[in-house]
Amino acid sequence: MKNYIKEIRTEKGWSQDELAAATGTTHQQIHYLETGKRKLTWEWLQRLADALGCHPSDITDGPASAIVPKDEQEKALLGLYRGMDDSAKSKLMGYAQGISENTSPIKGKKSS
């Protein structure tokens, strides 16, 4: 299965040794994970995402920087969204829906 470990790691300017140290493993394990010689389990996804400061989906689907956004604001928003927990994502979605409907997210009042 294709993954984006190497791309995210190099984007941060890290070597395999640095990522290995951050995840408590060896550079050889990181190499195996990057090349698909070792299976990328949920536990590995969590360890790598925590170390790299990204969402696990960035590792499997590609980092926000790999998505071709319409503009820089869209790219920044996607990066922020992927770093949020579920509660924050839910709040943001409610707020965004309120804005798109030209209403305040508080009790559906019209914005002025």
N, C-alpha and C. Protein backbone atom coordinates (compact mmCIF):
# COMPACT_ATOMS: atom_id res chain seq x y z
N MET A 1 0.85 -1.18 0.00
CA MET A 1 0.00 0.00 0.00
C MET A 1 0.89 1.24 0.00
N LYS A 2 0.61 2.16 -0.88
CA LYS A 2 1.34 3.42 -0.97
C LYS A 2 1.13 4.23 0.29
N ASN A 3 2.21 4.85 0.77
CA ASN A 3 2.09 5.76 1.91
C ASN A 3 2.95 6.99 1.65
N TYR A 4 2.79 7.98 2.50
CA TYR A 4 3.46 9.26 2.32
C TYR A 4 4.41 9.58 3.48
N ILE A 5 4.89 8.55 4.14
CA ILE A 5 5.79 8.76 5.28
C ILE A 5 7.02 9.55 4.85
N LYS A 6 7.67 9.10 3.80
CA LYS A 6 8.90 9.75 3.34
C LYS A 6 8.64 11.20 2.96
N GLU A 7 7.56 11.45 2.24
CA GLU A 7 7.26 12.82 1.81
C GLU A 7 7.03 13.75 3.00
N ILE A 8 6.28 13.27 3.99
CA ILE A 8 6.01 14.09 5.17
C ILE A 8 7.30 14.28 5.97
N ARG A 9 8.06 13.21 6.11
CA ARG A 9 9.32 13.27 6.86
C ARG A 9 10.29 14.26 6.22
N THR A 10 10.45 14.18 4.90
CA THR A 10 11.40 15.07 4.23
C THR A 10 10.89 16.51 4.19
N GLU A 11 9.57 16.68 4.13
CA GLU A 11 9.00 18.02 4.18
C GLU A 11 9.36 18.71 5.50
N LYS A 12 9.44 17.90 6.57
CA LYS A 12 9.83 18.43 7.87
C LYS A 12 11.34 18.58 8.00
N GLY A 13 12.08 18.06 7.02
CA GLY A 13 13.54 18.14 7.06
C GLY A 13 14.17 17.08 7.96
N TRP A 14 13.44 16.00 8.21
CA TRP A 14 13.92 14.95 9.11
C TRP A 14 14.57 13.82 8.32
N SER A 15 15.57 13.21 8.93
CA SER A 15 16.16 11.98 8.40
C SER A 15 15.38 10.79 8.94
N GLN A 16 15.66 9.61 8.39
CA GLN A 16 15.03 8.40 8.93
C GLN A 16 15.45 8.19 10.38
N ASP A 17 16.70 8.53 10.71
CA ASP A 17 17.16 8.39 12.09
C ASP A 17 16.38 9.28 13.05
N GLU A 18 16.08 10.50 12.62
CA GLU A 18 15.33 11.43 13.47
C GLU A 18 13.90 10.94 13.69
N LEU A 19 13.26 10.43 12.63
CA LEU A 19 11.91 9.90 12.78
C LEU A 19 11.94 8.63 13.64
N ALA A 20 12.95 7.83 13.46
CA ALA A 20 13.09 6.62 14.27
C ALA A 20 13.19 6.97 15.75
N ALA A 21 13.99 7.97 16.07
CA ALA A 21 14.14 8.39 17.47
C ALA A 21 12.82 8.90 18.02
N ALA A 22 12.08 9.65 17.21
CA ALA A 22 10.81 10.22 17.66
C ALA A 22 9.73 9.15 17.85
N THR A 23 9.86 8.02 17.18
CA THR A 23 8.87 6.95 17.30
C THR A 23 9.37 5.77 18.13
N GLY A 24 10.60 5.85 18.61
CA GLY A 24 11.14 4.79 19.45
C GLY A 24 11.45 3.51 18.69
N THR A 25 11.99 3.66 17.49
CA THR A 25 12.33 2.49 16.69
C THR A 25 13.67 2.74 15.99
N THR A 26 13.99 1.95 14.99
CA THR A 26 15.26 2.08 14.26
C THR A 26 15.01 2.69 12.89
N HIS A 27 16.09 3.23 12.30
CA HIS A 27 15.94 3.77 10.94
C HIS A 27 15.59 2.67 9.95
N GLN A 28 16.01 1.44 10.24
CA GLN A 28 15.69 0.31 9.37
C GLN A 28 14.17 0.05 9.35
N GLN A 29 13.54 0.14 10.53
CA GLN A 29 12.08 -0.02 10.59
C GLN A 29 11.39 1.09 9.80
N ILE A 30 11.87 2.31 9.94
CA ILE A 30 11.29 3.42 9.19
C ILE A 30 11.43 3.16 7.69
N HIS A 31 12.60 2.70 7.28
CA HIS A 31 12.81 2.37 5.86
C HIS A 31 11.81 1.30 5.41
N TYR A 32 11.64 0.26 6.20
CA TYR A 32 10.69 -0.80 5.85
C TYR A 32 9.26 -0.26 5.75
N LEU A 33 8.89 0.62 6.66
CA LEU A 33 7.55 1.22 6.62
C LEU A 33 7.38 2.10 5.38
N GLU A 34 8.38 2.92 5.10
CA GLU A 34 8.30 3.82 3.95
C GLU A 34 8.21 3.05 2.63
N THR A 35 8.91 1.94 2.54
CA THR A 35 8.95 1.19 1.27
C THR A 35 7.88 0.11 1.18
N GLY A 36 7.10 -0.06 2.24
CA GLY A 36 6.04 -1.06 2.22
C GLY A 36 6.51 -2.47 2.55
N LYS A 37 7.77 -2.61 2.98
CA LYS A 37 8.27 -3.93 3.37
C LYS A 37 7.73 -4.36 4.72
N ARG A 38 7.25 -3.40 5.49
CA ARG A 38 6.59 -3.68 6.76
C ARG A 38 5.18 -3.12 6.67
N LYS A 39 4.22 -3.91 7.18
CA LYS A 39 2.82 -3.51 7.14
C LYS A 39 2.58 -2.29 8.02
N LEU A 40 1.83 -1.35 7.50
CA LEU A 40 1.51 -0.12 8.21
C LEU A 40 0.23 -0.35 9.01
N THR A 41 0.38 -0.77 10.25
CA THR A 41 -0.76 -1.05 11.12
C THR A 41 -1.31 0.24 11.70
N TRP A 42 -2.47 0.14 12.35
CA TRP A 42 -3.06 1.31 13.01
C TRP A 42 -2.11 1.85 14.07
N GLU A 43 -1.47 0.96 14.81
CA GLU A 43 -0.51 1.40 15.84
C GLU A 43 0.63 2.19 15.21
N TRP A 44 1.16 1.72 14.09
CA TRP A 44 2.23 2.46 13.41
C TRP A 44 1.72 3.79 12.89
N LEU A 45 0.52 3.81 12.34
CA LEU A 45 -0.04 5.08 11.86
C LEU A 45 -0.10 6.10 12.99
N GLN A 46 -0.58 5.68 14.16
CA GLN A 46 -0.68 6.58 15.31
C GLN A 46 0.69 7.07 15.75
N ARG A 47 1.64 6.15 15.87
CA ARG A 47 3.00 6.53 16.30
C ARG A 47 3.63 7.51 15.34
N LEU A 48 3.51 7.23 14.06
CA LEU A 48 4.11 8.11 13.05
C LEU A 48 3.41 9.47 13.00
N ALA A 49 2.07 9.46 13.04
CA ALA A 49 1.32 10.71 13.01
C ALA A 49 1.65 11.58 14.21
N ASP A 50 1.74 10.97 15.40
CA ASP A 50 2.10 11.73 16.60
C ASP A 50 3.49 12.34 16.45
N ALA A 51 4.43 11.55 15.97
CA ALA A 51 5.81 12.04 15.82
C ALA A 51 5.91 13.13 14.76
N LEU A 52 5.20 12.96 13.66
CA LEU A 52 5.29 13.90 12.55
C LEU A 52 4.37 15.10 12.70
N GLY A 53 3.48 15.06 13.70
CA GLY A 53 2.56 16.18 13.91
C GLY A 53 1.53 16.30 12.81
N CYS A 54 1.03 15.16 12.35
CA CYS A 54 0.03 15.18 11.29
C CYS A 54 -1.11 14.23 11.64
N HIS A 55 -2.10 14.17 10.79
CA HIS A 55 -3.22 13.25 10.97
C HIS A 55 -2.85 11.92 10.33
N PRO A 56 -3.28 10.79 10.89
CA PRO A 56 -2.97 9.50 10.25
C PRO A 56 -3.39 9.43 8.78
N SER A 57 -4.46 10.11 8.41
CA SER A 57 -4.87 10.08 6.99
C SER A 57 -3.86 10.77 6.09
N ASP A 58 -3.07 11.70 6.64
CA ASP A 58 -2.02 12.31 5.84
C ASP A 58 -1.01 11.26 5.38
N ILE A 59 -0.78 10.27 6.23
CA ILE A 59 0.19 9.22 5.92
C ILE A 59 -0.34 8.28 4.84
N THR A 60 -1.62 7.98 4.88
CA THR A 60 -2.18 7.05 3.90
C THR A 60 -2.72 7.73 2.64
N ASP A 61 -3.30 8.92 2.79
CA ASP A 61 -3.92 9.60 1.65
C ASP A 61 -3.07 10.72 1.07
N GLY A 62 -2.07 11.13 1.80
CA GLY A 62 -1.23 12.24 1.38
C GLY A 62 -1.44 13.44 2.27
N PRO A 63 -0.37 14.16 2.53
CA PRO A 63 -0.49 15.34 3.40
C PRO A 63 -1.30 16.42 2.73
N ALA A 64 -1.77 17.35 3.53
CA ALA A 64 -2.55 18.47 3.00
C ALA A 64 -1.77 19.18 1.90
N SER A 65 -0.45 19.22 2.03
CA SER A 65 0.37 19.89 1.02
C SER A 65 0.36 19.15 -0.31
N ALA A 66 -0.03 17.85 -0.32
CA ALA A 66 -0.07 17.07 -1.57
C ALA A 66 -1.37 17.28 -2.33
N ILE A 67 -2.38 17.82 -1.66
CA ILE A 67 -3.66 18.08 -2.31
C ILE A 67 -3.54 19.40 -3.05
N VAL A 68 -4.10 19.46 -4.23
CA VAL A 68 -4.00 20.69 -5.01
C VAL A 68 -5.19 21.57 -4.65
N PRO A 69 -4.96 22.52 -3.75
CA PRO A 69 -6.06 23.41 -3.35
C PRO A 69 -6.27 24.52 -4.37
N LYS A 70 -7.42 25.15 -4.24
CA LYS A 70 -7.76 26.26 -5.12
C LYS A 70 -6.84 27.45 -4.87
N ASP A 71 -6.50 27.69 -3.62
CA ASP A 71 -5.64 28.80 -3.26
C ASP A 71 -4.95 28.51 -1.93
N GLU A 72 -4.12 29.42 -1.48
CA GLU A 72 -3.35 29.21 -0.24
C GLU A 72 -4.24 29.14 1.00
N GLN A 73 -5.35 29.90 1.00
CA GLN A 73 -6.25 29.85 2.15
C GLN A 73 -6.89 28.47 2.28
N GLU A 74 -7.29 27.90 1.16
CA GLU A 74 -7.88 26.57 1.18
C GLU A 74 -6.86 25.54 1.67
N LYS A 75 -5.63 25.67 1.25
CA LYS A 75 -4.57 24.78 1.68
C LYS A 75 -4.35 24.91 3.19
N ALA A 76 -4.33 26.12 3.69
CA ALA A 76 -4.13 26.35 5.12
C ALA A 76 -5.29 25.80 5.93
N LEU A 77 -6.51 26.01 5.46
CA LEU A 77 -7.69 25.48 6.16
C LEU A 77 -7.68 23.96 6.22
N LEU A 78 -7.32 23.32 5.13
CA LEU A 78 -7.27 21.87 5.11
C LEU A 78 -6.23 21.35 6.10
N GLY A 79 -5.08 22.00 6.13
CA GLY A 79 -4.05 21.61 7.09
C GLY A 79 -4.51 21.75 8.52
N LEU A 80 -5.18 22.86 8.83
CA LEU A 80 -5.70 23.07 10.18
C LEU A 80 -6.77 22.03 10.53
N TYR A 81 -7.67 21.79 9.58
CA TYR A 81 -8.77 20.85 9.81
C TYR A 81 -8.24 19.46 10.11
N ARG A 82 -7.26 19.01 9.36
CA ARG A 82 -6.72 17.67 9.57
C ARG A 82 -6.04 17.52 10.92
N GLY A 83 -5.62 18.61 11.51
CA GLY A 83 -4.97 18.55 12.81
C GLY A 83 -5.93 18.65 13.99
N MET A 84 -7.22 18.85 13.72
CA MET A 84 -8.21 19.03 14.79
C MET A 84 -8.73 17.69 15.30
N ASP A 85 -9.18 17.70 16.56
CA ASP A 85 -9.87 16.52 17.06
C ASP A 85 -11.32 16.56 16.57
N ASP A 86 -12.05 15.48 16.79
CA ASP A 86 -13.42 15.38 16.27
C ASP A 86 -14.34 16.47 16.79
N SER A 87 -14.18 16.85 18.04
CA SER A 87 -15.02 17.89 18.62
C SER A 87 -14.80 19.23 17.91
N ALA A 88 -13.54 19.57 17.70
CA ALA A 88 -13.23 20.83 17.03
C ALA A 88 -13.72 20.80 15.58
N LYS A 89 -13.59 19.65 14.91
CA LYS A 89 -14.08 19.54 13.54
C LYS A 89 -15.59 19.77 13.47
N SER A 90 -16.30 19.21 14.43
CA SER A 90 -17.75 19.37 14.47
C SER A 90 -18.13 20.84 14.67
N LYS A 91 -17.45 21.51 15.58
CA LYS A 91 -17.72 22.93 15.83
C LYS A 91 -17.43 23.76 14.58
N LEU A 92 -16.32 23.47 13.94
CA LEU A 92 -15.95 24.21 12.73
C LEU A 92 -16.98 24.00 11.62
N MET A 93 -17.44 22.78 11.46
CA MET A 93 -18.43 22.49 10.43
C MET A 93 -19.73 23.25 10.70
N GLY A 94 -20.14 23.30 11.96
CA GLY A 94 -21.35 24.06 12.29
C GLY A 94 -21.18 25.53 11.99
N TYR A 95 -20.03 26.07 12.31
CA TYR A 95 -19.75 27.47 12.04
C TYR A 95 -19.72 27.73 10.54
N ALA A 96 -19.04 26.85 9.80
CA ALA A 96 -18.93 27.03 8.35
C ALA A 96 -20.30 26.94 7.68
N GLN A 97 -21.15 26.03 8.14
CA GLN A 97 -22.49 25.92 7.59
C GLN A 97 -23.29 27.19 7.88
N GLY A 98 -23.10 27.73 9.06
CA GLY A 98 -23.79 28.98 9.41
C GLY A 98 -23.36 30.12 8.51
N ILE A 99 -22.07 30.20 8.25
CA ILE A 99 -21.56 31.26 7.37
C ILE A 99 -22.08 31.07 5.96
N SER A 100 -22.06 29.83 5.47
CA SER A 100 -22.49 29.58 4.09
C SER A 100 -23.97 29.85 3.90
N GLU A 101 -24.76 29.78 4.96
CA GLU A 101 -26.18 30.08 4.89
C GLU A 101 -26.46 31.53 5.26
N ASN A 102 -25.38 32.30 5.43
CA ASN A 102 -25.47 33.71 5.81
C ASN A 102 -26.22 33.88 7.13
N THR A 103 -25.97 32.95 8.05
CA THR A 103 -26.55 33.03 9.37
C THR A 103 -25.46 32.86 10.40
N SER A 104 -25.71 33.35 11.55
CA SER A 104 -24.81 33.15 12.66
C SER A 104 -24.96 31.71 13.15
N PRO A 105 -23.86 31.05 13.57
CA PRO A 105 -23.99 29.70 14.08
C PRO A 105 -24.75 29.63 15.40
N ILE A 106 -25.02 30.81 15.99
CA ILE A 106 -25.73 30.84 17.26
C ILE A 106 -27.22 31.09 16.98
N LYS A 107 -28.04 30.07 17.17
CA LYS A 107 -29.49 30.14 17.05
C LYS A 107 -29.98 30.62 15.70
N GLY A 108 -29.19 30.44 14.63
CA GLY A 108 -29.66 30.72 13.28
C GLY A 108 -30.00 32.17 12.99
N LYS A 109 -29.46 33.11 13.76
CA LYS A 109 -29.77 34.53 13.53
C LYS A 109 -29.02 35.02 12.31
N LYS A 110 -29.66 35.90 11.56
CA LYS A 110 -29.04 36.47 10.39
C LYS A 110 -27.87 37.34 10.78
N SER A 111 -26.77 37.22 10.00
CA SER A 111 -25.60 38.07 10.24
C SER A 111 -25.88 39.45 9.68
N SER A 112 -25.24 40.45 10.25
CA SER A 112 -25.42 41.81 9.71
C SER A 112 -24.17 42.28 9.05
